[in-house]
Amino acid sequence: MLAAALGIAACTGTTPPPVAMRSGIVATSPFEARARAAAELRRLGFAVRELDGSDVPTLRAELAAGGDPGWARCEGIWTTDPFSDLGQSRFVAAEGRRMIVVLRTSALPQGTSVEVDAHTIGVYRHAFTGEPVEALCGSTGVLERRLVAAAGKSPTAPSTAEDRR
């Protein structure tokens, strides 16, 4: 718990990047759109589960480690020495990342709305304590757009180079 507090304190002064939320309308049913998006998430290595108790059908997907670097920018953060009165700090780069994706589908008169909310969390090592520190990374929107496209794609449509990545 203290490590988390130190990690959050270490990030003060940096503004968390906005979370890229992408949405689109596809010409498939909400069930089919959700199933296609879930299949794409699984293909990319995510663990996927359906959230119960939501008014809008929702998927939650997690990738414990990794993810394509093109999906988010994990900038370096400043860590501050909690044991020094001198206010020493050091800049550290992300050593890893994990991802959480929330995908919602709902029926509209013109088709199915697909909303994708992707959160990439950079994992850093505190320069003074050695404790892990987490900070939000800025999404590029690439994964979100890919999932909306997958939700509406015909199962027999030819894949593109982007799809094979």
Protein backbone atom coordinates (compact mmCIF):
# COMPACT_ATOMS: atom_id res chain seq x y z
CA MET A 1 0.00 0.00 0.00
CA LEU A 2 2.84 2.37 0.90
CA ALA A 3 4.53 1.52 -2.40
CA ALA A 4 1.39 2.50 -4.27
CA ALA A 5 1.24 5.79 -2.37
CA LEU A 6 4.90 6.44 -3.15
CA GLY A 7 4.25 5.59 -6.78
CA ILE A 8 1.35 7.99 -7.03
CA ALA A 9 3.32 10.68 -5.23
CA ALA A 10 6.19 10.09 -7.60
CA CYS A 11 3.99 10.93 -10.54
CA THR A 12 2.77 14.27 -9.23
CA GLY A 13 3.25 17.07 -11.64
CA THR A 14 2.40 14.91 -14.63
CA THR A 15 -1.09 15.05 -16.05
CA PRO A 16 -2.53 11.65 -16.88
CA PRO A 17 -3.13 11.33 -20.62
CA PRO A 18 -6.72 11.26 -21.79
CA VAL A 19 -8.12 7.81 -22.40
CA ALA A 20 -8.95 7.35 -26.06
CA MET A 21 -12.54 6.22 -26.39
CA ARG A 22 -13.50 5.13 -29.85
CA SER A 23 -16.92 4.16 -31.05
CA GLY A 24 -18.64 3.26 -34.27
CA ILE A 25 -21.83 1.89 -35.71
CA VAL A 26 -21.67 -1.50 -37.39
CA ALA A 27 -24.20 -3.46 -39.46
CA THR A 28 -24.33 -6.53 -37.23
CA SER A 29 -26.44 -7.44 -34.20
CA PRO A 30 -25.13 -6.45 -30.75
CA PHE A 31 -24.55 -10.14 -29.95
CA GLU A 32 -22.63 -10.76 -33.18
CA ALA A 33 -20.59 -7.55 -32.82
CA ARG A 34 -19.65 -8.49 -29.25
CA ALA A 35 -18.73 -12.05 -30.28
CA ARG A 36 -16.51 -10.82 -33.14
CA ALA A 37 -14.79 -8.24 -30.94
CA ALA A 38 -14.26 -10.88 -28.22
CA ALA A 39 -12.71 -13.24 -30.77
CA GLU A 40 -10.32 -10.51 -31.93
CA LEU A 41 -9.36 -9.68 -28.34
CA ARG A 42 -8.64 -13.36 -27.63
CA ARG A 43 -6.61 -13.60 -30.84
CA LEU A 44 -4.51 -10.68 -29.56
CA GLY A 45 -3.86 -12.50 -26.26
CA PHE A 46 -6.45 -10.86 -23.99
CA ALA A 47 -8.43 -12.76 -21.36
CA VAL A 48 -12.06 -11.83 -22.05
CA ARG A 49 -15.16 -12.05 -19.89
CA GLU A 50 -18.73 -10.82 -20.09
CA LEU A 51 -19.73 -8.39 -17.32
CA ASP A 52 -22.98 -9.29 -15.58
CA GLY A 53 -25.45 -6.81 -14.15
CA SER A 54 -24.93 -4.08 -16.73
CA ASP A 55 -27.82 -2.49 -18.64
CA VAL A 56 -25.62 -2.43 -21.74
CA PRO A 57 -23.96 -5.73 -22.77
CA THR A 58 -20.30 -5.28 -21.84
CA LEU A 59 -17.04 -7.18 -22.26
CA ARG A 60 -13.98 -6.68 -20.09
CA ALA A 61 -10.65 -7.86 -21.47
CA GLU A 62 -7.26 -7.87 -19.76
CA LEU A 63 -3.75 -8.36 -21.04
CA ALA A 64 -1.52 -8.98 -18.01
CA ALA A 65 1.69 -8.01 -19.79
CA GLY A 66 2.73 -6.73 -23.16
CA GLY A 67 0.64 -5.37 -25.95
CA ASP A 68 1.64 -3.76 -29.20
CA PRO A 69 3.67 -0.57 -28.54
CA GLY A 70 1.65 1.08 -31.32
CA TRP A 71 -1.49 0.90 -29.16
CA ALA A 72 -0.29 3.40 -26.52
CA ARG A 73 2.50 5.80 -25.64
CA CYS A 74 3.98 5.11 -22.20
CA GLU A 75 6.04 8.21 -21.52
CA GLY A 76 8.67 8.27 -18.79
CA ILE A 77 7.79 9.55 -15.33
CA TRP A 78 9.67 11.36 -12.55
CA THR A 79 10.24 9.49 -9.29
CA THR A 80 11.11 11.42 -6.14
CA ASP A 81 13.37 10.25 -3.32
CA PRO A 82 11.03 9.80 -0.33
CA PHE A 83 13.99 9.60 2.08
CA SER A 84 15.71 12.84 1.11
CA ASP A 85 15.08 16.40 2.24
CA LEU A 86 16.80 17.63 -0.91
CA GLY A 87 13.92 16.76 -3.22
CA GLN A 88 15.98 14.55 -5.49
CA SER A 89 14.17 13.02 -8.44
CA ARG A 90 14.99 10.78 -11.37
CA PHE A 91 13.25 10.14 -14.66
CA VAL A 92 12.40 6.48 -15.35
CA ALA A 93 11.12 4.74 -18.45
CA ALA A 94 8.36 2.15 -18.50
CA GLU A 95 9.63 -1.40 -18.06
CA GLY A 96 6.36 -2.98 -19.12
CA ARG A 97 2.68 -2.43 -19.65
CA ARG A 98 -0.65 -4.06 -19.04
CA MET A 99 -4.01 -3.34 -20.63
CA ILE A 100 -7.69 -3.28 -19.75
CA VAL A 101 -10.34 -2.95 -22.44
CA VAL A 102 -14.05 -2.38 -21.86
CA LEU A 103 -16.30 -2.89 -24.89
CA ARG A 104 -20.03 -2.12 -24.97
CA THR A 105 -22.58 -2.89 -27.69
CA SER A 106 -26.10 -1.55 -27.99
CA ALA A 107 -28.80 -1.65 -30.66
CA LEU A 108 -29.63 1.56 -32.51
CA PRO A 109 -32.12 2.08 -35.36
CA GLN A 110 -29.24 2.41 -37.84
CA GLY A 111 -27.20 -0.57 -36.56
CA THR A 112 -25.19 -1.54 -33.49
CA SER A 113 -23.17 0.96 -31.50
CA VAL A 114 -19.78 -0.37 -30.44
CA GLU A 115 -17.88 1.61 -27.81
CA VAL A 116 -14.32 0.69 -26.85
CA ASP A 117 -12.53 2.10 -23.82
CA ALA A 118 -8.88 0.98 -23.67
CA HIS A 119 -6.59 1.69 -20.71
CA THR A 120 -2.89 0.98 -20.94
CA ILE A 121 -1.02 1.06 -17.65
CA GLY A 122 2.73 1.56 -17.80
CA VAL A 123 4.76 -0.32 -15.21
CA TYR A 124 7.82 1.54 -13.93
CA ARG A 125 10.49 0.85 -11.32
CA HIS A 126 10.83 3.63 -8.71
CA ALA A 127 14.41 4.91 -9.02
CA PHE A 128 14.92 5.25 -5.24
CA THR A 129 12.80 2.53 -3.61
CA GLY A 130 12.81 -0.11 -6.34
CA GLU A 131 9.06 -0.52 -5.86
CA PRO A 132 6.81 -0.92 -8.91
CA VAL A 133 4.94 2.22 -9.95
CA GLU A 134 2.03 2.36 -12.38
CA ALA A 135 0.87 5.26 -14.53
CA LEU A 136 -1.68 5.60 -17.32
CA CYS A 137 -0.32 5.72 -20.85
CA GLY A 138 -1.85 7.68 -23.71
CA SER A 139 -3.77 5.58 -26.21
CA THR A 140 -3.11 6.04 -29.91
CA GLY A 141 -6.62 4.82 -30.78
CA VAL A 142 -5.24 2.04 -33.01
CA LEU A 143 -6.55 -0.83 -30.87
CA GLU A 144 -9.93 0.83 -30.37
CA ARG A 145 -10.46 1.36 -34.10
CA ARG A 146 -9.29 -2.20 -34.79
CA LEU A 147 -11.90 -3.63 -32.39
CA VAL A 148 -14.73 -1.55 -33.84
CA ALA A 149 -13.72 -2.74 -37.31
CA ALA A 150 -13.54 -6.37 -36.11
CA ALA A 151 -17.02 -6.09 -34.57
CA GLY A 152 -18.51 -5.21 -37.93
CA LYS A 153 -16.31 -7.28 -40.22
CA SER A 154 -17.76 -10.12 -42.20
CA PRO A 155 -16.31 -13.44 -41.01
CA THR A 156 -15.33 -14.22 -44.61
CA ALA A 157 -13.75 -10.82 -45.36
CA PRO A 158 -10.10 -11.04 -46.40
CA SER A 159 -7.67 -9.92 -43.73
CA THR A 160 -5.34 -6.97 -44.18
CA ALA A 161 -1.74 -6.51 -43.02
CA GLU A 162 -3.09 -4.52 -40.04
CA ASP A 163 -5.33 -7.48 -39.06
CA ARG A 164 -2.43 -9.93 -39.08
CA ARG A 165 -0.39 -7.90 -36.58
